[in-house]
């Protein structure tokens, strides 16, 4: 019963994050990590949206391979990193990975591509300062749920890419956030938990959502149905190639927030591009409930363990 309750709490965070009276988790339990650094600013500014938390496992090693975790909030939150470390971060700590839980600017603060620029800046910060946190810079994985899954996937499919263009619109996805612009923002493995990845097929798996959708806010309160270039540029499915890092995709087939077809299409896109993707469809799984479960957490940690040993 306790596990089921936590599952519901963590998955609903993405939807009710701003609800009155909601209490944000404080992060992983004290017994799951040995050391931590809280509210480290990866952009050298004073923005809360540019803070991250670092946790090292209880297991004692000279260095730790790391996984960056990203919360879901429909891109509306700028300080929910504790939610991600408490949920998907906890099993990673228990599996021996360092966990870096990051904030990013919300869509109401800054439109796309600010969110992926922040993710890449956080990766650069961690890699550039790895020695100070006993982190192995040679392996950095990334995972996230819901909109965090979108950002994790986007980071993976744009390793080494500076800008993206569709029609008359060009976006700088690498950005200039922080002090480590010459450091690589590459990630080595991705786990996507029910992320929206193909905004052209969000409404009944057939078309973009309307002007009231989170995607509309992400692109500057434009109607996605009238903005095919912007829709393409916020959809990681359009930028997959055979050289992308391997990905594990986990999605419930009863998800009523992000359509299950999003992950089906992502898997197919990887296959068609010659990339490597594993797709776990969770029978009866919703937008968190049924997916945030011991067996699927183990699928995630096993995946990162295999990838980090390559």
C-alpha atoms as a PDB file:
ATOM      1  CA  UNK A   1       0.000   0.000   0.000  1.00  0.00           C
ATOM      2  CA  UNK A   2       2.824   2.431   0.855  1.00  0.00           C
ATOM      3  CA  UNK A   3       4.508   1.817  -2.494  1.00  0.00           C
ATOM      4  CA  UNK A   4       1.225   2.369  -4.325  1.00  0.00           C
ATOM      5  CA  UNK A   5       0.657   5.631  -2.442  1.00  0.00           C
ATOM      6  CA  UNK A   6       4.111   6.931  -3.344  1.00  0.00           C
ATOM      7  CA  UNK A   7       3.500   5.972  -6.950  1.00  0.00           C
ATOM      8  CA  UNK A   8       0.352   8.046  -7.063  1.00  0.00           C
ATOM      9  CA  UNK A   9       1.958  10.995  -5.278  1.00  0.00           C
ATOM     10  CA  UNK A  10       4.978  11.202  -7.548  1.00  0.00           C
ATOM     11  CA  UNK A  11       3.050  10.766 -10.768  1.00  0.00           C
ATOM     12  CA  UNK A  12       0.426  13.337  -9.850  1.00  0.00           C
ATOM     13  CA  UNK A  13       3.134  15.883  -9.033  1.00  0.00           C
ATOM     14  CA  UNK A  14       3.520  16.599 -12.741  1.00  0.00           C
ATOM     15  CA  UNK A  15      -0.136  17.530 -12.999  1.00  0.00           C
ATOM     16  CA  UNK A  16      -0.905  19.216  -9.675  1.00  0.00           C
ATOM     17  CA  UNK A  17       2.456  20.820  -9.038  1.00  0.00           C
ATOM     18  CA  UNK A  18       0.984  24.268  -8.577  1.00  0.00           C
ATOM     19  CA  UNK A  19      -2.086  23.172  -6.621  1.00  0.00           C
ATOM     20  CA  UNK A  20      -2.663  25.057  -3.382  1.00  0.00           C
ATOM     21  CA  UNK A  21      -1.295  23.231  -0.370  1.00  0.00           C
ATOM     22  CA  UNK A  22       0.810  20.728  -2.317  1.00  0.00           C
ATOM     23  CA  UNK A  23       3.936  19.632  -0.425  1.00  0.00           C
ATOM     24  CA  UNK A  24       6.980  18.985  -2.583  1.00  0.00           C
ATOM     25  CA  UNK A  25       9.044  15.926  -1.633  1.00  0.00           C
ATOM     26  CA  UNK A  26      12.360  16.883  -0.032  1.00  0.00           C
ATOM     27  CA  UNK A  27      14.393  14.491  -2.166  1.00  0.00           C
ATOM     28  CA  UNK A  28      15.568  10.923  -1.665  1.00  0.00           C
ATOM     29  CA  UNK A  29      15.468   9.487   1.844  1.00  0.00           C
ATOM     30  CA  UNK A  30      18.438  10.122   4.104  1.00  0.00           C
ATOM     31  CA  UNK A  31      19.359   6.458   4.061  1.00  0.00           C
ATOM     32  CA  UNK A  32      19.824   6.327   0.296  1.00  0.00           C
ATOM     33  CA  UNK A  33      22.848   8.582  -0.128  1.00  0.00           C
ATOM     34  CA  UNK A  34      26.174   9.335   1.533  1.00  0.00           C
ATOM     35  CA  UNK A  35      26.822  12.937   0.504  1.00  0.00           C
ATOM     36  CA  UNK A  36      24.859  15.686  -1.187  1.00  0.00           C
ATOM     37  CA  UNK A  37      25.204  19.193  -2.547  1.00  0.00           C
ATOM     38  CA  UNK A  38      21.971  21.170  -2.692  1.00  0.00           C
ATOM     39  CA  UNK A  39      21.015  24.152  -4.822  1.00  0.00           C
ATOM     40  CA  UNK A  40      24.227  24.253  -6.828  1.00  0.00           C
ATOM     41  CA  UNK A  41      23.821  26.904  -9.499  1.00  0.00           C
ATOM     42  CA  UNK A  42      24.993  25.569 -12.837  1.00  0.00           C
ATOM     43  CA  UNK A  43      24.580  28.857 -14.717  1.00  0.00           C
ATOM     44  CA  UNK A  44      26.526  31.206 -12.423  1.00  0.00           C
ATOM     45  CA  UNK A  45      23.473  33.367 -11.888  1.00  0.00           C
ATOM     46  CA  UNK A  46      20.918  33.743  -9.104  1.00  0.00           C
ATOM     47  CA  UNK A  47      18.019  31.995 -10.830  1.00  0.00           C
ATOM     48  CA  UNK A  48      16.287  29.234  -8.877  1.00  0.00           C
ATOM     49  CA  UNK A  49      15.531  27.600 -12.207  1.00  0.00           C
ATOM     50  CA  UNK A  50      19.279  27.076 -12.707  1.00  0.00           C
ATOM     51  CA  UNK A  51      19.917  25.096  -9.522  1.00  0.00           C
ATOM     52  CA  UNK A  52      20.689  21.403  -9.257  1.00  0.00           C
ATOM     53  CA  UNK A  53      21.155  18.862  -6.474  1.00  0.00           C
ATOM     54  CA  UNK A  54      23.858  16.177  -6.467  1.00  0.00           C
ATOM     55  CA  UNK A  55      23.606  12.951  -4.456  1.00  0.00           C
ATOM     56  CA  UNK A  56      26.221  10.231  -4.102  1.00  0.00           C
ATOM     57  CA  UNK A  57      25.220   6.656  -3.213  1.00  0.00           C
ATOM     58  CA  UNK A  58      25.883   4.940   0.090  1.00  0.00           C
ATOM     59  CA  UNK A  59      28.275   2.595  -1.697  1.00  0.00           C
ATOM     60  CA  UNK A  60      31.825   3.900  -1.348  1.00  0.00           C
ATOM     61  CA  UNK A  61      33.815   4.198  -4.582  1.00  0.00           C
ATOM     62  CA  UNK A  62      36.540   6.567  -5.845  1.00  0.00           C
ATOM     63  CA  UNK A  63      34.212   7.887  -8.561  1.00  0.00           C
ATOM     64  CA  UNK A  64      30.590   7.370  -9.536  1.00  0.00           C
ATOM     65  CA  UNK A  65      28.933   7.160 -12.893  1.00  0.00           C
ATOM     66  CA  UNK A  66      26.102   9.660 -12.977  1.00  0.00           C
ATOM     67  CA  UNK A  67      22.550  10.002 -14.202  1.00  0.00           C
ATOM     68  CA  UNK A  68      20.776  13.333 -14.595  1.00  0.00           C
ATOM     69  CA  UNK A  69      17.086  13.203 -13.646  1.00  0.00           C
ATOM     70  CA  UNK A  70      14.417  15.659 -14.842  1.00  0.00           C
ATOM     71  CA  UNK A  71      10.973  16.231 -13.348  1.00  0.00           C
ATOM     72  CA  UNK A  72       7.716  16.383 -15.257  1.00  0.00           C
ATOM     73  CA  UNK A  73       5.499  19.448 -15.051  1.00  0.00           C
ATOM     74  CA  UNK A  74       4.247  20.059 -18.603  1.00  0.00           C
ATOM     75  CA  UNK A  75       7.229  22.483 -18.665  1.00  0.00           C
ATOM     76  CA  UNK A  76       5.393  24.737 -16.168  1.00  0.00           C
ATOM     77  CA  UNK A  77       7.693  24.275 -13.139  1.00  0.00           C
ATOM     78  CA  UNK A  78      11.072  25.844 -12.504  1.00  0.00           C
ATOM     79  CA  UNK A  79      11.881  24.246  -9.135  1.00  0.00           C
ATOM     80  CA  UNK A  80      10.735  20.631  -8.869  1.00  0.00           C
ATOM     81  CA  UNK A  81      14.094  18.868  -8.784  1.00  0.00           C
ATOM     82  CA  UNK A  82      13.337  17.267  -5.407  1.00  0.00           C
ATOM     83  CA  UNK A  83      10.388  15.477  -6.972  1.00  0.00           C
ATOM     84  CA  UNK A  84      12.585  13.778  -9.561  1.00  0.00           C
ATOM     85  CA  UNK A  85      15.284  12.765  -7.090  1.00  0.00           C
ATOM     86  CA  UNK A  86      12.683  11.345  -4.700  1.00  0.00           C
ATOM     87  CA  UNK A  87      11.027   9.222  -7.374  1.00  0.00           C
ATOM     88  CA  UNK A  88      13.225   8.030 -10.248  1.00  0.00           C
ATOM     89  CA  UNK A  89      16.409   9.170  -8.509  1.00  0.00           C
ATOM     90  CA  UNK A  90      16.034   6.917  -5.479  1.00  0.00           C
ATOM     91  CA  UNK A  91      16.372   3.570  -7.311  1.00  0.00           C
ATOM     92  CA  UNK A  92      19.361   4.945  -9.204  1.00  0.00           C
ATOM     93  CA  UNK A  93      21.110   5.808  -5.942  1.00  0.00           C
ATOM     94  CA  UNK A  94      20.398   2.330  -4.619  1.00  0.00           C
ATOM     95  CA  UNK A  95      21.928   0.912  -7.808  1.00  0.00           C
ATOM     96  CA  UNK A  96      25.163   2.831  -7.194  1.00  0.00           C
ATOM     97  CA  UNK A  97      24.755   5.826  -9.514  1.00  0.00           C
ATOM     98  CA  UNK A  98      25.324   9.429  -8.589  1.00  0.00           C
ATOM     99  CA  UNK A  99      22.092  11.338  -9.150  1.00  0.00           C
ATOM    100  CA  UNK A 100      21.953  14.911 -10.400  1.00  0.00           C
ATOM    101  CA  UNK A 101      18.465  16.371 -10.215  1.00  0.00           C
ATOM    102  CA  UNK A 102      18.113  19.601 -12.164  1.00  0.00           C
ATOM    103  CA  UNK A 103      15.787  22.554 -12.451  1.00  0.00           C
ATOM    104  CA  UNK A 104      15.109  24.336 -15.716  1.00  0.00           C
ATOM    105  CA  UNK A 105      13.294  27.491 -16.724  1.00  0.00           C
ATOM    106  CA  UNK A 106       9.543  27.100 -17.008  1.00  0.00           C
ATOM    107  CA  UNK A 107       7.662  27.777 -20.222  1.00  0.00           C
ATOM    108  CA  UNK A 108       6.074  30.831 -18.586  1.00  0.00           C
ATOM    109  CA  UNK A 109       9.539  32.278 -17.876  1.00  0.00           C
ATOM    110  CA  UNK A 110      11.079  31.605 -21.265  1.00  0.00           C
ATOM    111  CA  UNK A 111       9.922  29.858 -24.407  1.00  0.00           C
ATOM    112  CA  UNK A 112      11.631  27.005 -26.223  1.00  0.00           C
ATOM    113  CA  UNK A 113      14.527  26.322 -26.583  1.00  0.00           C
ATOM    114  CA  UNK A 114      15.352  27.723 -23.110  1.00  0.00           C
ATOM    115  CA  UNK A 115      14.477  24.421 -21.428  1.00  0.00           C
ATOM    116  CA  UNK A 116      16.855  22.253 -23.481  1.00  0.00           C
ATOM    117  CA  UNK A 117      19.536  24.962 -23.233  1.00  0.00           C
ATOM    118  CA  UNK A 118      19.293  24.638 -19.459  1.00  0.00           C
ATOM    119  CA  UNK A 119      19.536  20.852 -19.593  1.00  0.00           C
ATOM    120  CA  UNK A 120      22.642  21.043 -21.740  1.00  0.00           C
ATOM    121  CA  UNK A 121      24.177  23.700 -19.483  1.00  0.00           C
ATOM    122  CA  UNK A 122      23.625  21.421 -16.476  1.00  0.00           C
ATOM    123  CA  UNK A 123      25.325  18.544 -18.277  1.00  0.00           C
ATOM    124  CA  UNK A 124      28.288  20.763 -19.137  1.00  0.00           C
ATOM    125  CA  UNK A 125      28.557  21.928 -15.531  1.00  0.00           C
ATOM    126  CA  UNK A 126      28.566  18.380 -14.185  1.00  0.00           C
ATOM    127  CA  UNK A 127      31.167  17.220 -16.679  1.00  0.00           C
ATOM    128  CA  UNK A 128      33.427  20.238 -16.150  1.00  0.00           C
ATOM    129  CA  UNK A 129      33.277  19.919 -12.358  1.00  0.00           C
ATOM    130  CA  UNK A 130      33.119  16.138 -12.133  1.00  0.00           C
ATOM    131  CA  UNK A 131      36.295  15.770 -10.088  1.00  0.00           C
ATOM    132  CA  UNK A 132      34.952  17.982  -7.307  1.00  0.00           C
ATOM    133  CA  UNK A 133      31.942  15.707  -6.874  1.00  0.00           C
ATOM    134  CA  UNK A 134      33.698  12.341  -7.368  1.00  0.00           C
ATOM    135  CA  UNK A 135      31.824  11.821 -10.635  1.00  0.00           C
ATOM    136  CA  UNK A 136      33.191   9.913 -13.614  1.00  0.00           C
ATOM    137  CA  UNK A 137      32.803  12.297 -16.588  1.00  0.00           C
ATOM    138  CA  UNK A 138      33.128   9.422 -19.067  1.00  0.00           C
ATOM    139  CA  UNK A 139      29.564   8.270 -18.432  1.00  0.00           C
ATOM    140  CA  UNK A 140      26.618  10.583 -17.927  1.00  0.00           C
ATOM    141  CA  UNK A 141      23.163   9.141 -18.466  1.00  0.00           C
ATOM    142  CA  UNK A 142      19.897  11.056 -18.477  1.00  0.00           C
ATOM    143  CA  UNK A 143      16.291  10.255 -17.617  1.00  0.00           C
ATOM    144  CA  UNK A 144      13.043  12.072 -16.963  1.00  0.00           C
ATOM    145  CA  UNK A 145       9.319  11.578 -16.779  1.00  0.00           C
ATOM    146  CA  UNK A 146       6.552  13.278 -18.762  1.00  0.00           C
ATOM    147  CA  UNK A 147       7.942  16.648 -19.933  1.00  0.00           C
ATOM    148  CA  UNK A 148      11.209  15.589 -18.283  1.00  0.00           C
ATOM    149  CA  UNK A 149      11.194  12.541 -20.561  1.00  0.00           C
ATOM    150  CA  UNK A 150      10.796  14.889 -23.512  1.00  0.00           C
ATOM    151  CA  UNK A 151      13.848  16.881 -22.397  1.00  0.00           C
ATOM    152  CA  UNK A 152      15.922  13.772 -21.672  1.00  0.00           C
ATOM    153  CA  UNK A 153      15.121  12.371 -25.105  1.00  0.00           C
ATOM    154  CA  UNK A 154      15.854  15.696 -26.766  1.00  0.00           C
ATOM    155  CA  UNK A 155      19.252  15.842 -25.076  1.00  0.00           C
ATOM    156  CA  UNK A 156      20.062  12.358 -26.350  1.00  0.00           C
ATOM    157  CA  UNK A 157      19.086  12.894 -29.973  1.00  0.00           C
ATOM    158  CA  UNK A 158      20.972  16.202 -30.246  1.00  0.00           C
ATOM    159  CA  UNK A 159      24.418  15.177 -29.011  1.00  0.00           C
ATOM    160  CA  UNK A 160      26.869  17.495 -30.741  1.00  0.00           C
ATOM    161  CA  UNK A 161      24.132  19.546 -32.444  1.00  0.00           C
ATOM    162  CA  UNK A 162      24.219  23.333 -32.008  1.00  0.00           C
ATOM    163  CA  UNK A 163      21.163  24.580 -33.891  1.00  0.00           C
ATOM    164  CA  UNK A 164      18.034  23.177 -35.505  1.00  0.00           C
ATOM    165  CA  UNK A 165      16.076  24.680 -38.382  1.00  0.00           C
ATOM    166  CA  UNK A 166      12.620  24.139 -39.824  1.00  0.00           C
ATOM    167  CA  UNK A 167      11.375  26.448 -42.537  1.00  0.00           C
ATOM    168  CA  UNK A 168      12.157  30.016 -41.515  1.00  0.00           C
ATOM    169  CA  UNK A 169      12.671  29.153 -37.841  1.00  0.00           C
ATOM    170  CA  UNK A 170      16.110  28.374 -36.378  1.00  0.00           C
ATOM    171  CA  UNK A 171      16.667  27.634 -32.708  1.00  0.00           C
ATOM    172  CA  UNK A 172      19.926  27.516 -30.763  1.00  0.00           C
ATOM    173  CA  UNK A 173      19.515  24.395 -28.627  1.00  0.00           C
ATOM    174  CA  UNK A 174      23.029  24.373 -27.159  1.00  0.00           C
ATOM    175  CA  UNK A 175      22.741  27.922 -25.914  1.00  0.00           C
ATOM    176  CA  UNK A 176      25.187  30.027 -23.922  1.00  0.00           C
ATOM    177  CA  UNK A 177      24.018  29.348 -20.373  1.00  0.00           C
ATOM    178  CA  UNK A 178      26.802  29.061 -17.796  1.00  0.00           C
ATOM    179  CA  UNK A 179      30.589  29.257 -17.905  1.00  0.00           C
ATOM    180  CA  UNK A 180      31.532  25.945 -19.546  1.00  0.00           C
ATOM    181  CA  UNK A 181      30.653  26.500 -23.179  1.00  0.00           C
ATOM    182  CA  UNK A 182      33.655  24.551 -24.455  1.00  0.00           C
ATOM    183  CA  UNK A 183      32.667  21.450 -22.452  1.00  0.00           C
ATOM    184  CA  UNK A 184      30.638  18.716 -24.127  1.00  0.00           C
ATOM    185  CA  UNK A 185      26.937  18.335 -23.321  1.00  0.00           C
ATOM    186  CA  UNK A 186      26.919  14.756 -24.621  1.00  0.00           C
ATOM    187  CA  UNK A 187      24.952  12.069 -22.809  1.00  0.00           C
ATOM    188  CA  UNK A 188      25.622   8.349 -23.166  1.00  0.00           C
ATOM    189  CA  UNK A 189      22.263   6.692 -22.490  1.00  0.00           C
ATOM    190  CA  UNK A 190      18.633   7.795 -22.145  1.00  0.00           C
ATOM    191  CA  UNK A 191      15.584   6.507 -20.286  1.00  0.00           C
ATOM    192  CA  UNK A 192      12.323   8.180 -21.298  1.00  0.00           C
ATOM    193  CA  UNK A 193       9.363   7.721 -18.948  1.00  0.00           C
ATOM    194  CA  UNK A 194       6.166   8.449 -20.917  1.00  0.00           C
ATOM    195  CA  UNK A 195       7.426  11.659 -22.486  1.00  0.00           C
ATOM    196  CA  UNK A 196       5.648  13.615 -25.231  1.00  0.00           C
ATOM    197  CA  UNK A 197       8.021  13.415 -28.183  1.00  0.00           C
ATOM    198  CA  UNK A 198       5.952  14.024 -31.331  1.00  0.00           C
ATOM    199  CA  UNK A 199       3.855  17.166 -30.957  1.00  0.00           C
ATOM    200  CA  UNK A 200       2.372  16.754 -34.421  1.00  0.00           C
ATOM    201  CA  UNK A 201       0.498  13.692 -33.136  1.00  0.00           C
ATOM    202  CA  UNK A 202      -0.619  14.565 -29.614  1.00  0.00           C
ATOM    203  CA  UNK A 203      -4.359  14.984 -30.207  1.00  0.00           C
ATOM    204  CA  UNK A 204      -5.832  11.507 -30.677  1.00  0.00           C
ATOM    205  CA  UNK A 205      -2.452  10.498 -32.111  1.00  0.00           C
ATOM    206  CA  UNK A 206      -3.398  12.348 -35.278  1.00  0.00           C
ATOM    207  CA  UNK A 207      -2.765  16.085 -34.964  1.00  0.00           C
ATOM    208  CA  UNK A 208      -1.220  18.800 -32.786  1.00  0.00           C
ATOM    209  CA  UNK A 209      -3.003  19.980 -29.669  1.00  0.00           C
ATOM    210  CA  UNK A 210      -4.730  23.373 -29.653  1.00  0.00           C
ATOM    211  CA  UNK A 211      -3.854  26.803 -28.303  1.00  0.00           C
ATOM    212  CA  UNK A 212      -4.776  25.827 -24.728  1.00  0.00           C
ATOM    213  CA  UNK A 213      -2.135  23.078 -24.535  1.00  0.00           C
ATOM    214  CA  UNK A 214       1.178  23.126 -22.671  1.00  0.00           C
ATOM    215  CA  UNK A 215       2.914  22.925 -26.053  1.00  0.00           C
ATOM    216  CA  UNK A 216       1.275  26.226 -27.015  1.00  0.00           C
ATOM    217  CA  UNK A 217       2.800  27.924 -23.968  1.00  0.00           C
ATOM    218  CA  UNK A 218       6.163  26.310 -24.706  1.00  0.00           C
ATOM    219  CA  UNK A 219       6.299  27.949 -28.139  1.00  0.00           C
ATOM    220  CA  UNK A 220       5.153  31.377 -26.970  1.00  0.00           C
ATOM    221  CA  UNK A 221       1.374  30.999 -26.715  1.00  0.00           C
ATOM    222  CA  UNK A 222       1.057  30.153 -30.388  1.00  0.00           C
ATOM    223  CA  UNK A 223      -1.506  27.674 -31.705  1.00  0.00           C
ATOM    224  CA  UNK A 224       0.459  24.499 -32.522  1.00  0.00           C
ATOM    225  CA  UNK A 225      -2.057  23.658 -35.246  1.00  0.00           C
ATOM    226  CA  UNK A 226      -0.901  26.770 -37.110  1.00  0.00           C
ATOM    227  CA  UNK A 227       2.835  26.455 -36.409  1.00  0.00           C
ATOM    228  CA  UNK A 228       4.281  23.355 -38.134  1.00  0.00           C
ATOM    229  CA  UNK A 229       7.862  24.616 -37.921  1.00  0.00           C
ATOM    230  CA  UNK A 230       7.673  25.221 -34.180  1.00  0.00           C
ATOM    231  CA  UNK A 231       5.910  21.887 -33.670  1.00  0.00           C
ATOM    232  CA  UNK A 232       8.749  20.160 -35.479  1.00  0.00           C
ATOM    233  CA  UNK A 233      11.420  22.005 -33.479  1.00  0.00           C
ATOM    234  CA  UNK A 234       9.996  20.959 -30.098  1.00  0.00           C
ATOM    235  CA  UNK A 235       9.649  17.305 -31.127  1.00  0.00           C
ATOM    236  CA  UNK A 236      12.746  15.147 -30.570  1.00  0.00           C
ATOM    237  CA  UNK A 237      11.332  12.415 -32.806  1.00  0.00           C
ATOM    238  CA  UNK A 238      12.310  14.524 -35.825  1.00  0.00           C
ATOM    239  CA  UNK A 239      16.027  14.543 -35.047  1.00  0.00           C
ATOM    240  CA  UNK A 240      16.878  10.870 -34.461  1.00  0.00           C
ATOM    241  CA  UNK A 241      19.790   9.259 -36.267  1.00  0.00           C
ATOM    242  CA  UNK A 242      21.695   6.001 -36.020  1.00  0.00           C
ATOM    243  CA  UNK A 243      24.461   7.554 -33.916  1.00  0.00           C
ATOM    244  CA  UNK A 244      22.182   8.565 -31.057  1.00  0.00           C
ATOM    245  CA  UNK A 245      22.743   6.942 -27.654  1.00  0.00           C
ATOM    246  CA  UNK A 246      20.679   3.880 -26.837  1.00  0.00           C
ATOM    247  CA  UNK A 247      17.302   4.610 -25.267  1.00  0.00           C
ATOM    248  CA  UNK A 248      14.895   2.750 -22.998  1.00  0.00           C
ATOM    249  CA  UNK A 249      11.265   3.895 -23.316  1.00  0.00           C
ATOM    250  CA  UNK A 250       8.663   3.105 -20.633  1.00  0.00           C
ATOM    251  CA  UNK A 251       5.006   4.042 -21.136  1.00  0.00           C
ATOM    252  CA  UNK A 252       1.685   2.843 -19.770  1.00  0.00           C
ATOM    253  CA  UNK A 253      -0.887   1.775 -22.334  1.00  0.00           C
ATOM    254  CA  UNK A 254      -3.649   3.477 -20.304  1.00  0.00           C
ATOM    255  CA  UNK A 255      -1.925   6.878 -20.046  1.00  0.00           C
ATOM    256  CA  UNK A 256      -4.601   9.575 -20.301  1.00  0.00           C
ATOM    257  CA  UNK A 257      -2.177  12.520 -20.293  1.00  0.00           C
ATOM    258  CA  UNK A 258       0.517  11.658 -22.837  1.00  0.00           C
ATOM    259  CA  UNK A 259      -0.838   9.248 -25.461  1.00  0.00           C
ATOM    260  CA  UNK A 260       0.776   5.801 -25.509  1.00  0.00           C
ATOM    261  CA  UNK A 261       1.275   6.217 -29.249  1.00  0.00           C
ATOM    262  CA  UNK A 262       3.963   8.804 -28.521  1.00  0.00           C
ATOM    263  CA  UNK A 263       6.311   6.079 -27.331  1.00  0.00           C
ATOM    264  CA  UNK A 264       5.235   3.670 -30.059  1.00  0.00           C
ATOM    265  CA  UNK A 265       6.152   6.300 -32.623  1.00  0.00           C
ATOM    266  CA  UNK A 266       9.450   6.993 -30.850  1.00  0.00           C
ATOM    267  CA  UNK A 267      10.417   3.332 -30.929  1.00  0.00           C
ATOM    268  CA  UNK A 268       9.511   3.118 -34.620  1.00  0.00           C
ATOM    269  CA  UNK A 269      11.536   6.243 -35.395  1.00  0.00           C
ATOM    270  CA  UNK A 270      14.625   4.770 -33.737  1.00  0.00           C
ATOM    271  CA  UNK A 271      14.160   1.522 -35.650  1.00  0.00           C
ATOM    272  CA  UNK A 272      13.750   3.356 -38.953  1.00  0.00           C
ATOM    273  CA  UNK A 273      16.864   5.470 -38.313  1.00  0.00           C
ATOM    274  CA  UNK A 274      19.000   2.470 -37.390  1.00  0.00           C
ATOM    275  CA  UNK A 275      19.256   3.469 -33.746  1.00  0.00           C
ATOM    276  CA  UNK A 276      18.825   1.195 -30.741  1.00  0.00           C
ATOM    277  CA  UNK A 277      15.675   1.520 -28.643  1.00  0.00           C
ATOM    278  CA  UNK A 278      13.954  -0.780 -26.170  1.00  0.00           C
ATOM    279  CA  UNK A 279      10.275  -0.144 -25.530  1.00  0.00           C
ATOM    280  CA  UNK A 280       8.439  -1.396 -22.443  1.00  0.00           C
ATOM    281  CA  UNK A 281       4.687  -0.963 -22.706  1.00  0.00           C
ATOM    282  CA  UNK A 282       3.143  -1.218 -19.234  1.00  0.00           C
ATOM    283  CA  UNK A 283      -0.229  -3.017 -19.284  1.00  0.00           C
ATOM    284  CA  UNK A 284      -2.816  -0.802 -17.624  1.00  0.00           C
ATOM    285  CA  UNK A 285      -0.185   1.763 -16.727  1.00  0.00           C
ATOM    286  CA  UNK A 286      -1.256   5.376 -16.414  1.00  0.00           C
ATOM    287  CA  UNK A 287       0.690   8.620 -16.337  1.00  0.00           C
ATOM    288  CA  UNK A 288       2.913   7.355 -13.546  1.00  0.00           C
ATOM    289  CA  UNK A 289       0.675   4.886 -11.689  1.00  0.00           C
ATOM    290  CA  UNK A 290       1.599   1.366 -12.721  1.00  0.00           C
ATOM    291  CA  UNK A 291       4.818   2.594 -14.352  1.00  0.00           C
ATOM    292  CA  UNK A 292       6.534   3.897 -11.223  1.00  0.00           C
ATOM    293  CA  UNK A 293       6.868   0.383  -9.862  1.00  0.00           C
ATOM    294  CA  UNK A 294       9.747  -1.746  -8.595  1.00  0.00           C
ATOM    295  CA  UNK A 295      10.008  -3.882 -11.725  1.00  0.00           C
ATOM    296  CA  UNK A 296      10.230  -0.886 -14.067  1.00  0.00           C
ATOM    297  CA  UNK A 297      12.662   0.953 -11.807  1.00  0.00           C
ATOM    298  CA  UNK A 298      14.820  -2.165 -12.081  1.00  0.00           C
ATOM    299  CA  UNK A 299      14.507  -2.078 -15.860  1.00  0.00           C
ATOM    300  CA  UNK A 300      15.864   1.470 -15.712  1.00  0.00           C
ATOM    301  CA  UNK A 301      18.763   0.725 -13.369  1.00  0.00           C
ATOM    302  CA  UNK A 302      19.698  -2.458 -15.256  1.00  0.00           C
ATOM    303  CA  UNK A 303      19.702  -0.494 -18.514  1.00  0.00           C
ATOM    304  CA  UNK A 304      22.018   2.197 -17.162  1.00  0.00           C
ATOM    305  CA  UNK A 305      24.274  -0.451 -15.595  1.00  0.00           C
ATOM    306  CA  UNK A 306      24.694  -2.187 -18.939  1.00  0.00           C
ATOM    307  CA  UNK A 307      25.210   1.067 -20.832  1.00  0.00           C
ATOM    308  CA  UNK A 308      27.753   2.381 -18.338  1.00  0.00           C
ATOM    309  CA  UNK A 309      29.857  -0.748 -18.693  1.00  0.00           C
ATOM    310  CA  UNK A 310      30.289  -0.380 -22.460  1.00  0.00           C
END
